[in-house]
Amino acid sequence: MITISNEFMTATFSEIGAELKSLKCDGKEHIWYGDPQFWTGSSPVLFPICSGLKDDEFIYEGKTYTLQKHGFARRAKFDVETVDKTSATFLLSSENCPQENYPFEYEFRIIYTLTGKKMNVEYNIRNLTDGDMYFSVGAHEAYLCPEGIENYQIVFEKAEDLDAYQLEGPLLSDNTVNYGKNTTVLQLNNSLFDNDCLIFKHLNSRSVDLVNKTTGEKINVQFNGFDFLLVWTVPGAPYVCIEPWCGVTDNINTNKQLPQKEGIERIEKGGSFYRIHSFEIN
């Protein structure tokens, strides 16, 4: 385990998946601890796909490849490139984690940094392929809700028509369910997740607050540059995941062609990709 800290916060990571396993602020835990009764994850990093592919397959340049849900990074061992008191950098590459079913060469760095009561999470991807590289990347932090999720609400930065896209089996449909018009508040309850997750596309907001209605405590999640935001839990579990994604699950009408996949990111030869999201305890 790798640990970083400052005067307010202490964060612990596993080298497997470069996954944040614990985040304590003023001694209080804020990240789900992975109880297998509900879900063994805490905050897996999703790469090079977010969620699933139709038949777990994609096609690139005429060849069919197989990738499991959320990709391989979350179960891969990252190299610990640098660690200092308040920051840690993890590296996954096509050299240290070769994959027969991902036909691109790359370096993927995740940089975690503590600043005050905020955690910054940076994704830096370099394309080392002799041609374009296609991928998705996403976060999956699970925030503890010890009083039960009914005691929490998600407050959006700007007023939204909260049209959540629905899954049809494991794939994305074009159907939506509305959870409020011109509103900033999504009240959490277990029935929201009877059909898995809520998938929001192209929100006006670039941040949300997870608010404890009893204490007023909130976690501010910022996600500028991420086109998709997912909200998920297992009904009855004392956590909620707020997930900024650059990518999304396959649509039911997909032709499986990777360059045509909804939400897919592309890096030109020799280029790089950078995104940052953060969460701050208030």
C-alpha atoms as a PDB file:
ATOM      1  CA  MET A   1       0.000   0.000   0.000  1.00  0.00           C
ATOM      2  CA  ILE A   2       1.090   3.575  -0.765  1.00  0.00           C
ATOM      3  CA  THR A   3       0.140   6.403   1.599  1.00  0.00           C
ATOM      4  CA  ILE A   4       0.228  10.181   1.176  1.00  0.00           C
ATOM      5  CA  SER A   5      -0.981  12.821   3.620  1.00  0.00           C
ATOM      6  CA  ASN A   6      -1.169  16.479   4.563  1.00  0.00           C
ATOM      7  CA  GLU A   7      -2.393  18.292   7.675  1.00  0.00           C
ATOM      8  CA  PHE A   8      -6.032  17.401   6.932  1.00  0.00           C
ATOM      9  CA  MET A   9      -6.124  14.235   4.841  1.00  0.00           C
ATOM     10  CA  THR A  10      -4.554  10.794   4.550  1.00  0.00           C
ATOM     11  CA  ALA A  11      -4.987   8.678   1.418  1.00  0.00           C
ATOM     12  CA  THR A  12      -4.007   5.057   0.868  1.00  0.00           C
ATOM     13  CA  PHE A  13      -3.692   3.317  -2.510  1.00  0.00           C
ATOM     14  CA  SER A  14      -3.176  -0.170  -3.838  1.00  0.00           C
ATOM     15  CA  GLU A  15      -0.673  -0.774  -6.621  1.00  0.00           C
ATOM     16  CA  ILE A  16      -3.308  -3.054  -8.149  1.00  0.00           C
ATOM     17  CA  GLY A  17      -5.360  -0.740 -10.311  1.00  0.00           C
ATOM     18  CA  ALA A  18      -3.728   2.326  -8.697  1.00  0.00           C
ATOM     19  CA  GLU A  19      -6.935   2.269  -6.674  1.00  0.00           C
ATOM     20  CA  LEU A  20      -7.704   4.680  -3.861  1.00  0.00           C
ATOM     21  CA  LYS A  21      -8.620   2.463  -0.918  1.00  0.00           C
ATOM     22  CA  SER A  22      -9.024   4.990   1.876  1.00  0.00           C
ATOM     23  CA  LEU A  23      -9.408   8.742   2.217  1.00  0.00           C
ATOM     24  CA  LYS A  24      -9.623  10.160   5.715  1.00  0.00           C
ATOM     25  CA  CYS A  25     -10.248  13.844   6.380  1.00  0.00           C
ATOM     26  CA  ASP A  26      -9.788  15.008   9.953  1.00  0.00           C
ATOM     27  CA  GLY A  27      -9.743  11.323  10.899  1.00  0.00           C
ATOM     28  CA  LYS A  28     -13.085  10.456   9.246  1.00  0.00           C
ATOM     29  CA  GLU A  29     -13.239   7.899   6.424  1.00  0.00           C
ATOM     30  CA  HIS A  30     -14.968   8.961   3.194  1.00  0.00           C
ATOM     31  CA  ILE A  31     -14.287   6.063   0.783  1.00  0.00           C
ATOM     32  CA  TRP A  32     -16.201   2.777   0.734  1.00  0.00           C
ATOM     33  CA  TYR A  33     -14.131  -0.066   2.173  1.00  0.00           C
ATOM     34  CA  GLY A  34     -15.090  -2.791  -0.312  1.00  0.00           C
ATOM     35  CA  ASP A  35     -17.297  -5.100   1.750  1.00  0.00           C
ATOM     36  CA  PRO A  36     -18.037  -8.073  -0.563  1.00  0.00           C
ATOM     37  CA  GLN A  37     -21.599  -8.218   0.784  1.00  0.00           C
ATOM     38  CA  PHE A  38     -22.279  -5.341  -1.609  1.00  0.00           C
ATOM     39  CA  TRP A  39     -19.250  -4.568  -3.804  1.00  0.00           C
ATOM     40  CA  THR A  40     -15.548  -5.291  -3.443  1.00  0.00           C
ATOM     41  CA  GLY A  41     -14.384  -2.092  -5.164  1.00  0.00           C
ATOM     42  CA  SER A  42     -13.540   1.273  -3.629  1.00  0.00           C
ATOM     43  CA  SER A  43     -12.565   3.530  -6.511  1.00  0.00           C
ATOM     44  CA  PRO A  44     -11.391   1.537  -9.538  1.00  0.00           C
ATOM     45  CA  VAL A  45      -9.987   3.373 -12.557  1.00  0.00           C
ATOM     46  CA  LEU A  46     -11.682   2.374 -15.814  1.00  0.00           C
ATOM     47  CA  PHE A  47      -9.415   1.983 -18.858  1.00  0.00           C
ATOM     48  CA  PRO A  48      -9.392   1.458 -21.826  1.00  0.00           C
ATOM     49  CA  ILE A  49     -13.187   1.131 -21.791  1.00  0.00           C
ATOM     50  CA  CYS A  50     -15.886   2.355 -19.438  1.00  0.00           C
ATOM     51  CA  SER A  51     -18.578  -0.207 -18.645  1.00  0.00           C
ATOM     52  CA  GLY A  52     -19.205  -2.908 -21.230  1.00  0.00           C
ATOM     53  CA  LEU A  53     -18.982  -3.788 -24.905  1.00  0.00           C
ATOM     54  CA  LYS A  54     -21.635  -5.660 -26.835  1.00  0.00           C
ATOM     55  CA  ASP A  55     -20.647  -9.337 -26.537  1.00  0.00           C
ATOM     56  CA  ASP A  56     -17.464  -8.043 -24.794  1.00  0.00           C
ATOM     57  CA  GLU A  57     -16.029  -7.307 -28.261  1.00  0.00           C
ATOM     58  CA  PHE A  58     -14.834  -4.454 -30.417  1.00  0.00           C
ATOM     59  CA  ILE A  59     -13.596  -4.365 -34.009  1.00  0.00           C
ATOM     60  CA  TYR A  60     -10.562  -2.414 -35.115  1.00  0.00           C
ATOM     61  CA  GLU A  61      -9.084  -2.482 -38.620  1.00  0.00           C
ATOM     62  CA  GLY A  62     -11.023  -5.626 -39.430  1.00  0.00           C
ATOM     63  CA  LYS A  63      -9.928  -7.632 -36.394  1.00  0.00           C
ATOM     64  CA  THR A  64     -12.130  -8.545 -33.424  1.00  0.00           C
ATOM     65  CA  TYR A  65     -10.787  -8.046 -29.892  1.00  0.00           C
ATOM     66  CA  THR A  66     -12.225  -9.054 -26.520  1.00  0.00           C
ATOM     67  CA  LEU A  67     -12.336  -6.809 -23.452  1.00  0.00           C
ATOM     68  CA  GLN A  68     -14.183  -7.391 -20.209  1.00  0.00           C
ATOM     69  CA  LYS A  69     -16.334  -4.773 -18.481  1.00  0.00           C
ATOM     70  CA  HIS A  70     -14.429  -1.614 -17.457  1.00  0.00           C
ATOM     71  CA  GLY A  71     -11.213  -2.807 -19.118  1.00  0.00           C
ATOM     72  CA  PHE A  72      -8.042  -4.291 -17.706  1.00  0.00           C
ATOM     73  CA  ALA A  73      -6.441  -1.407 -15.782  1.00  0.00           C
ATOM     74  CA  ARG A  74      -8.421  -1.953 -12.595  1.00  0.00           C
ATOM     75  CA  ARG A  75      -6.876  -5.406 -12.128  1.00  0.00           C
ATOM     76  CA  ALA A  76      -3.386  -4.603 -13.434  1.00  0.00           C
ATOM     77  CA  LYS A  77      -0.359  -3.845 -11.284  1.00  0.00           C
ATOM     78  CA  PHE A  78       0.804  -0.281 -11.813  1.00  0.00           C
ATOM     79  CA  ASP A  79       4.382   0.831 -11.355  1.00  0.00           C
ATOM     80  CA  VAL A  80       4.798   3.382  -8.578  1.00  0.00           C
ATOM     81  CA  GLU A  81       6.719   6.030 -10.467  1.00  0.00           C
ATOM     82  CA  THR A  82       7.053   8.737  -7.788  1.00  0.00           C
ATOM     83  CA  VAL A  83       5.808   9.301  -4.238  1.00  0.00           C
ATOM     84  CA  ASP A  84       6.293  12.285  -1.980  1.00  0.00           C
ATOM     85  CA  LYS A  85       4.412  13.418   1.106  1.00  0.00           C
ATOM     86  CA  THR A  86       1.307  14.741  -0.668  1.00  0.00           C
ATOM     87  CA  SER A  87       1.430  13.154  -4.146  1.00  0.00           C
ATOM     88  CA  ALA A  88       1.780   9.767  -5.850  1.00  0.00           C
ATOM     89  CA  THR A  89       2.185   8.907  -9.530  1.00  0.00           C
ATOM     90  CA  PHE A  90       1.272   5.468 -10.888  1.00  0.00           C
ATOM     91  CA  LEU A  91       2.208   4.189 -14.359  1.00  0.00           C
ATOM     92  CA  LEU A  92       0.618   1.544 -16.556  1.00  0.00           C
ATOM     93  CA  SER A  93       1.978   0.978 -20.037  1.00  0.00           C
ATOM     94  CA  SER A  94       1.815  -1.401 -22.945  1.00  0.00           C
ATOM     95  CA  GLU A  95       5.355  -2.366 -21.939  1.00  0.00           C
ATOM     96  CA  ASN A  96       4.659  -3.334 -18.315  1.00  0.00           C
ATOM     97  CA  CYS A  97       1.137  -4.625 -19.018  1.00  0.00           C
ATOM     98  CA  PRO A  98       1.027  -6.084 -22.548  1.00  0.00           C
ATOM     99  CA  GLN A  99      -2.454  -6.994 -23.796  1.00  0.00           C
ATOM    100  CA  GLU A 100      -3.248  -9.209 -26.760  1.00  0.00           C
ATOM    101  CA  ASN A 101      -6.717  -7.700 -26.917  1.00  0.00           C
ATOM    102  CA  TYR A 102      -5.780  -4.028 -27.012  1.00  0.00           C
ATOM    103  CA  PRO A 103      -3.848  -3.156 -30.180  1.00  0.00           C
ATOM    104  CA  PHE A 104      -2.267   0.124 -29.025  1.00  0.00           C
ATOM    105  CA  GLU A 105       0.968   1.156 -27.352  1.00  0.00           C
ATOM    106  CA  TYR A 106       0.642   3.743 -24.602  1.00  0.00           C
ATOM    107  CA  GLU A 107       1.698   5.141 -21.233  1.00  0.00           C
ATOM    108  CA  PHE A 108      -1.085   5.841 -18.738  1.00  0.00           C
ATOM    109  CA  ARG A 109      -0.200   7.877 -15.662  1.00  0.00           C
ATOM    110  CA  ILE A 110      -2.503   8.554 -12.737  1.00  0.00           C
ATOM    111  CA  ILE A 111      -1.363  11.354 -10.443  1.00  0.00           C
ATOM    112  CA  TYR A 112      -3.027  11.783  -7.058  1.00  0.00           C
ATOM    113  CA  THR A 113      -2.354  15.021  -5.172  1.00  0.00           C
ATOM    114  CA  LEU A 114      -3.648  16.330  -1.843  1.00  0.00           C
ATOM    115  CA  THR A 115      -4.207  20.074  -1.553  1.00  0.00           C
ATOM    116  CA  GLY A 116      -5.920  21.218   1.625  1.00  0.00           C
ATOM    117  CA  LYS A 117      -9.056  19.083   1.899  1.00  0.00           C
ATOM    118  CA  LYS A 118      -9.098  18.300  -1.821  1.00  0.00           C
ATOM    119  CA  MET A 119      -7.884  15.281  -3.762  1.00  0.00           C
ATOM    120  CA  ASN A 120      -6.911  15.933  -7.385  1.00  0.00           C
ATOM    121  CA  VAL A 121      -6.873  12.939  -9.736  1.00  0.00           C
ATOM    122  CA  GLU A 122      -5.056  13.451 -13.037  1.00  0.00           C
ATOM    123  CA  TYR A 123      -5.182  11.113 -16.028  1.00  0.00           C
ATOM    124  CA  ASN A 124      -2.296  11.535 -18.475  1.00  0.00           C
ATOM    125  CA  ILE A 125      -2.201   9.196 -21.471  1.00  0.00           C
ATOM    126  CA  ARG A 126       0.527   9.195 -24.160  1.00  0.00           C
ATOM    127  CA  ASN A 127       0.048   7.473 -27.487  1.00  0.00           C
ATOM    128  CA  LEU A 128       3.148   5.483 -28.442  1.00  0.00           C
ATOM    129  CA  THR A 129       1.401   3.727 -31.325  1.00  0.00           C
ATOM    130  CA  ASP A 130       2.437   4.270 -34.932  1.00  0.00           C
ATOM    131  CA  GLY A 131      -1.013   5.675 -35.680  1.00  0.00           C
ATOM    132  CA  ASP A 132      -4.144   6.781 -33.824  1.00  0.00           C
ATOM    133  CA  MET A 133      -5.080   5.385 -30.408  1.00  0.00           C
ATOM    134  CA  TYR A 134      -8.688   4.878 -29.255  1.00  0.00           C
ATOM    135  CA  PHE A 135      -9.764   4.509 -25.630  1.00  0.00           C
ATOM    136  CA  SER A 136     -12.093   5.562 -22.832  1.00  0.00           C
ATOM    137  CA  VAL A 137     -11.169   6.430 -19.260  1.00  0.00           C
ATOM    138  CA  GLY A 138     -13.287   6.988 -16.194  1.00  0.00           C
ATOM    139  CA  ALA A 139     -13.436   7.279 -12.423  1.00  0.00           C
ATOM    140  CA  HIS A 140     -15.519   5.147 -10.052  1.00  0.00           C
ATOM    141  CA  GLU A 141     -15.080   6.606  -6.561  1.00  0.00           C
ATOM    142  CA  ALA A 142     -17.498   5.202  -3.975  1.00  0.00           C
ATOM    143  CA  TYR A 143     -18.312   7.704  -1.233  1.00  0.00           C
ATOM    144  CA  LEU A 144     -19.421   6.423   2.140  1.00  0.00           C
ATOM    145  CA  CYS A 145     -22.991   7.228   3.173  1.00  0.00           C
ATOM    146  CA  PRO A 146     -23.050   5.659   6.643  1.00  0.00           C
ATOM    147  CA  GLU A 147     -26.555   6.889   7.491  1.00  0.00           C
ATOM    148  CA  GLY A 148     -27.934   5.318   4.288  1.00  0.00           C
ATOM    149  CA  ILE A 149     -28.239   7.014   0.909  1.00  0.00           C
ATOM    150  CA  GLU A 150     -31.754   8.292   1.661  1.00  0.00           C
ATOM    151  CA  ASN A 151     -30.078  10.829   3.951  1.00  0.00           C
ATOM    152  CA  TYR A 152     -28.105  12.257   1.011  1.00  0.00           C
ATOM    153  CA  GLN A 153     -28.791  14.299  -2.080  1.00  0.00           C
ATOM    154  CA  ILE A 154     -26.717  15.281  -5.080  1.00  0.00           C
ATOM    155  CA  VAL A 155     -26.807  19.008  -5.762  1.00  0.00           C
ATOM    156  CA  PHE A 156     -25.792  20.083  -9.261  1.00  0.00           C
ATOM    157  CA  GLU A 157     -23.792  23.237  -9.965  1.00  0.00           C
ATOM    158  CA  LYS A 158     -26.399  24.435 -12.480  1.00  0.00           C
ATOM    159  CA  ALA A 159     -30.075  23.735 -13.087  1.00  0.00           C
ATOM    160  CA  GLU A 160     -30.545  20.572 -15.149  1.00  0.00           C
ATOM    161  CA  ASP A 161     -33.216  18.523 -16.846  1.00  0.00           C
ATOM    162  CA  LEU A 162     -32.188  15.280 -15.169  1.00  0.00           C
ATOM    163  CA  ASP A 163     -32.821  12.844 -18.017  1.00  0.00           C
ATOM    164  CA  ALA A 164     -30.989   9.633 -17.165  1.00  0.00           C
ATOM    165  CA  TYR A 165     -30.285   7.216 -19.994  1.00  0.00           C
ATOM    166  CA  GLN A 166     -31.378   3.672 -19.289  1.00  0.00           C
ATOM    167  CA  LEU A 167     -29.684   0.331 -19.722  1.00  0.00           C
ATOM    168  CA  GLU A 168     -31.281  -2.464 -21.699  1.00  0.00           C
ATOM    169  CA  GLY A 169     -29.563  -5.469 -20.227  1.00  0.00           C
ATOM    170  CA  PRO A 170     -25.874  -4.502 -20.096  1.00  0.00           C
ATOM    171  CA  LEU A 171     -26.115  -2.045 -23.004  1.00  0.00           C
ATOM    172  CA  LEU A 172     -27.179   1.573 -23.354  1.00  0.00           C
ATOM    173  CA  SER A 173     -30.590   2.321 -24.817  1.00  0.00           C
ATOM    174  CA  ASP A 174     -31.880   5.604 -26.197  1.00  0.00           C
ATOM    175  CA  ASN A 175     -34.613   5.704 -23.553  1.00  0.00           C
ATOM    176  CA  THR A 176     -34.484   8.141 -20.674  1.00  0.00           C
ATOM    177  CA  VAL A 177     -36.220   8.604 -17.339  1.00  0.00           C
ATOM    178  CA  ASN A 178     -36.613  12.131 -16.026  1.00  0.00           C
ATOM    179  CA  TYR A 179     -35.777  12.823 -12.380  1.00  0.00           C
ATOM    180  CA  GLY A 180     -36.551  16.530 -12.431  1.00  0.00           C
ATOM    181  CA  LYS A 181     -36.955  19.476 -14.774  1.00  0.00           C
ATOM    182  CA  ASN A 182     -34.883  22.633 -14.347  1.00  0.00           C
ATOM    183  CA  THR A 183     -33.666  21.420 -10.963  1.00  0.00           C
ATOM    184  CA  THR A 184     -30.385  21.274  -9.097  1.00  0.00           C
ATOM    185  CA  VAL A 185     -31.312  18.495  -6.662  1.00  0.00           C
ATOM    186  CA  LEU A 186     -31.376  14.726  -7.072  1.00  0.00           C
ATOM    187  CA  GLN A 187     -32.688  13.102  -3.901  1.00  0.00           C
ATOM    188  CA  LEU A 188     -31.065   9.698  -3.458  1.00  0.00           C
ATOM    189  CA  ASN A 189     -33.037   6.580  -2.657  1.00  0.00           C
ATOM    190  CA  ASN A 190     -32.538   2.891  -3.301  1.00  0.00           C
ATOM    191  CA  SER A 191     -35.267   2.594  -5.935  1.00  0.00           C
ATOM    192  CA  LEU A 192     -33.280   4.876  -8.264  1.00  0.00           C
ATOM    193  CA  PHE A 193     -30.899   1.969  -8.816  1.00  0.00           C
ATOM    194  CA  ASP A 194     -33.346  -0.860  -9.472  1.00  0.00           C
ATOM    195  CA  ASN A 195     -32.153  -0.843 -13.109  1.00  0.00           C
ATOM    196  CA  ASP A 196     -28.461  -0.392 -12.250  1.00  0.00           C
ATOM    197  CA  CYS A 197     -27.049   3.139 -12.702  1.00  0.00           C
ATOM    198  CA  LEU A 198     -28.129   6.628 -13.747  1.00  0.00           C
ATOM    199  CA  ILE A 199     -26.293   7.827 -16.865  1.00  0.00           C
ATOM    200  CA  PHE A 200     -26.229  11.551 -17.585  1.00  0.00           C
ATOM    201  CA  LYS A 201     -24.853  12.955 -20.851  1.00  0.00           C
ATOM    202  CA  HIS A 202     -23.546  16.440 -21.568  1.00  0.00           C
ATOM    203  CA  LEU A 203     -24.631  18.144 -18.362  1.00  0.00           C
ATOM    204  CA  ASN A 204     -24.399  21.898 -17.986  1.00  0.00           C
ATOM    205  CA  SER A 205     -22.849  21.394 -14.565  1.00  0.00           C
ATOM    206  CA  ARG A 206     -19.145  20.791 -14.155  1.00  0.00           C
ATOM    207  CA  SER A 207     -19.434  19.890 -10.485  1.00  0.00           C
ATOM    208  CA  VAL A 208     -21.859  18.355  -8.017  1.00  0.00           C
ATOM    209  CA  ASP A 209     -22.083  18.230  -4.225  1.00  0.00           C
ATOM    210  CA  LEU A 210     -22.915  15.060  -2.327  1.00  0.00           C
ATOM    211  CA  VAL A 211     -24.745  16.532   0.667  1.00  0.00           C
ATOM    212  CA  ASN A 212     -25.534  14.914   4.004  1.00  0.00           C
ATOM    213  CA  LYS A 213     -28.936  16.421   4.801  1.00  0.00           C
ATOM    214  CA  THR A 214     -28.533  15.896   8.555  1.00  0.00           C
ATOM    215  CA  THR A 215     -25.047  17.300   9.116  1.00  0.00           C
ATOM    216  CA  GLY A 216     -24.720  19.601   6.098  1.00  0.00           C
ATOM    217  CA  GLU A 217     -21.370  18.001   5.308  1.00  0.00           C
ATOM    218  CA  LYS A 218     -20.689  17.784   1.596  1.00  0.00           C
ATOM    219  CA  ILE A 219     -18.219  16.376  -0.888  1.00  0.00           C
ATOM    220  CA  ASN A 220     -17.721  18.557  -3.948  1.00  0.00           C
ATOM    221  CA  VAL A 221     -16.900  16.526  -7.087  1.00  0.00           C
ATOM    222  CA  GLN A 222     -15.490  18.479 -10.040  1.00  0.00           C
ATOM    223  CA  PHE A 223     -15.374  16.917 -13.508  1.00  0.00           C
ATOM    224  CA  ASN A 224     -14.577  19.486 -16.166  1.00  0.00           C
ATOM    225  CA  GLY A 225     -13.826  17.799 -19.508  1.00  0.00           C
ATOM    226  CA  PHE A 226     -15.831  14.630 -18.772  1.00  0.00           C
ATOM    227  CA  ASP A 227     -18.886  14.230 -21.046  1.00  0.00           C
ATOM    228  CA  PHE A 228     -20.653  11.583 -18.973  1.00  0.00           C
ATOM    229  CA  LEU A 229     -21.559  11.397 -15.298  1.00  0.00           C
ATOM    230  CA  LEU A 230     -22.831   8.194 -13.730  1.00  0.00           C
ATOM    231  CA  VAL A 231     -24.408   7.670 -10.328  1.00  0.00           C
ATOM    232  CA  TRP A 232     -24.589   4.124  -8.944  1.00  0.00           C
ATOM    233  CA  THR A 233     -24.906   1.989  -5.881  1.00  0.00           C
ATOM    234  CA  VAL A 234     -26.128  -1.454  -4.926  1.00  0.00           C
ATOM    235  CA  PRO A 235     -29.568  -0.932  -3.352  1.00  0.00           C
ATOM    236  CA  GLY A 236     -29.196  -1.091   0.417  1.00  0.00           C
ATOM    237  CA  ALA A 237     -25.457  -0.387   0.432  1.00  0.00           C
ATOM    238  CA  PRO A 238     -24.099   2.555   2.478  1.00  0.00           C
ATOM    239  CA  TYR A 239     -22.242   4.263  -0.364  1.00  0.00           C
ATOM    240  CA  VAL A 240     -22.837   6.015  -3.662  1.00  0.00           C
ATOM    241  CA  CYS A 241     -20.517   6.220  -6.656  1.00  0.00           C
ATOM    242  CA  ILE A 242     -20.266   9.523  -8.531  1.00  0.00           C
ATOM    243  CA  GLU A 243     -18.387   8.665 -11.712  1.00  0.00           C
ATOM    244  CA  PRO A 244     -17.008  11.123 -14.296  1.00  0.00           C
ATOM    245  CA  TRP A 245     -16.369   9.260 -17.549  1.00  0.00           C
ATOM    246  CA  CYS A 246     -14.766  10.014 -20.897  1.00  0.00           C
ATOM    247  CA  GLY A 247     -16.675   7.212 -22.570  1.00  0.00           C
ATOM    248  CA  VAL A 248     -19.798   5.147 -21.992  1.00  0.00           C
ATOM    249  CA  THR A 249     -21.154   1.625 -22.381  1.00  0.00           C
ATOM    250  CA  ASP A 250     -21.969   0.338 -25.862  1.00  0.00           C
ATOM    251  CA  ASN A 251     -25.311   1.310 -27.335  1.00  0.00           C
ATOM    252  CA  ILE A 252     -27.701  -1.523 -28.174  1.00  0.00           C
ATOM    253  CA  ASN A 253     -27.374  -0.547 -31.856  1.00  0.00           C
ATOM    254  CA  THR A 254     -23.574  -0.526 -31.953  1.00  0.00           C
ATOM    255  CA  ASN A 255     -21.721  -1.892 -34.973  1.00  0.00           C
ATOM    256  CA  LYS A 256     -18.772  -2.673 -32.632  1.00  0.00           C
ATOM    257  CA  GLN A 257     -16.376  -0.522 -34.681  1.00  0.00           C
ATOM    258  CA  LEU A 258     -14.104   1.060 -32.054  1.00  0.00           C
ATOM    259  CA  PRO A 259     -13.523   4.420 -33.842  1.00  0.00           C
ATOM    260  CA  GLN A 260     -17.315   4.854 -34.139  1.00  0.00           C
ATOM    261  CA  LYS A 261     -18.113   3.975 -30.514  1.00  0.00           C
ATOM    262  CA  GLU A 262     -20.082   6.629 -28.623  1.00  0.00           C
ATOM    263  CA  GLY A 263     -17.832   8.681 -26.353  1.00  0.00           C
ATOM    264  CA  ILE A 264     -14.587   7.151 -27.634  1.00  0.00           C
ATOM    265  CA  GLU A 265     -11.463   9.300 -27.287  1.00  0.00           C
ATOM    266  CA  ARG A 266      -8.757   9.496 -29.937  1.00  0.00           C
ATOM    267  CA  ILE A 267      -5.110  10.500 -29.625  1.00  0.00           C
ATOM    268  CA  GLU A 268      -3.089  11.087 -32.765  1.00  0.00           C
ATOM    269  CA  LYS A 269       0.327   9.503 -33.204  1.00  0.00           C
ATOM    270  CA  GLY A 270       2.772  11.056 -30.743  1.00  0.00           C
ATOM    271  CA  GLY A 271       0.004  12.943 -28.939  1.00  0.00           C
ATOM    272  CA  SER A 272      -1.326  12.901 -25.402  1.00  0.00           C
ATOM    273  CA  PHE A 273      -4.569  13.230 -23.460  1.00  0.00           C
ATOM    274  CA  TYR A 274      -5.076  14.959 -20.122  1.00  0.00           C
ATOM    275  CA  ARG A 275      -8.031  15.175 -17.754  1.00  0.00           C
ATOM    276  CA  ILE A 276      -8.367  16.044 -14.083  1.00  0.00           C
ATOM    277  CA  HIS A 277     -11.205  15.568 -11.657  1.00  0.00           C
ATOM    278  CA  SER A 278     -11.252  16.282  -7.957  1.00  0.00           C
ATOM    279  CA  PHE A 279     -13.250  15.840  -4.798  1.00  0.00           C
ATOM    280  CA  GLU A 280     -13.141  18.149  -1.811  1.00  0.00           C
ATOM    281  CA  ILE A 281     -14.500  17.603   1.683  1.00  0.00           C
ATOM    282  CA  ASN A 282     -16.470  20.556   3.051  1.00  0.00           C
END
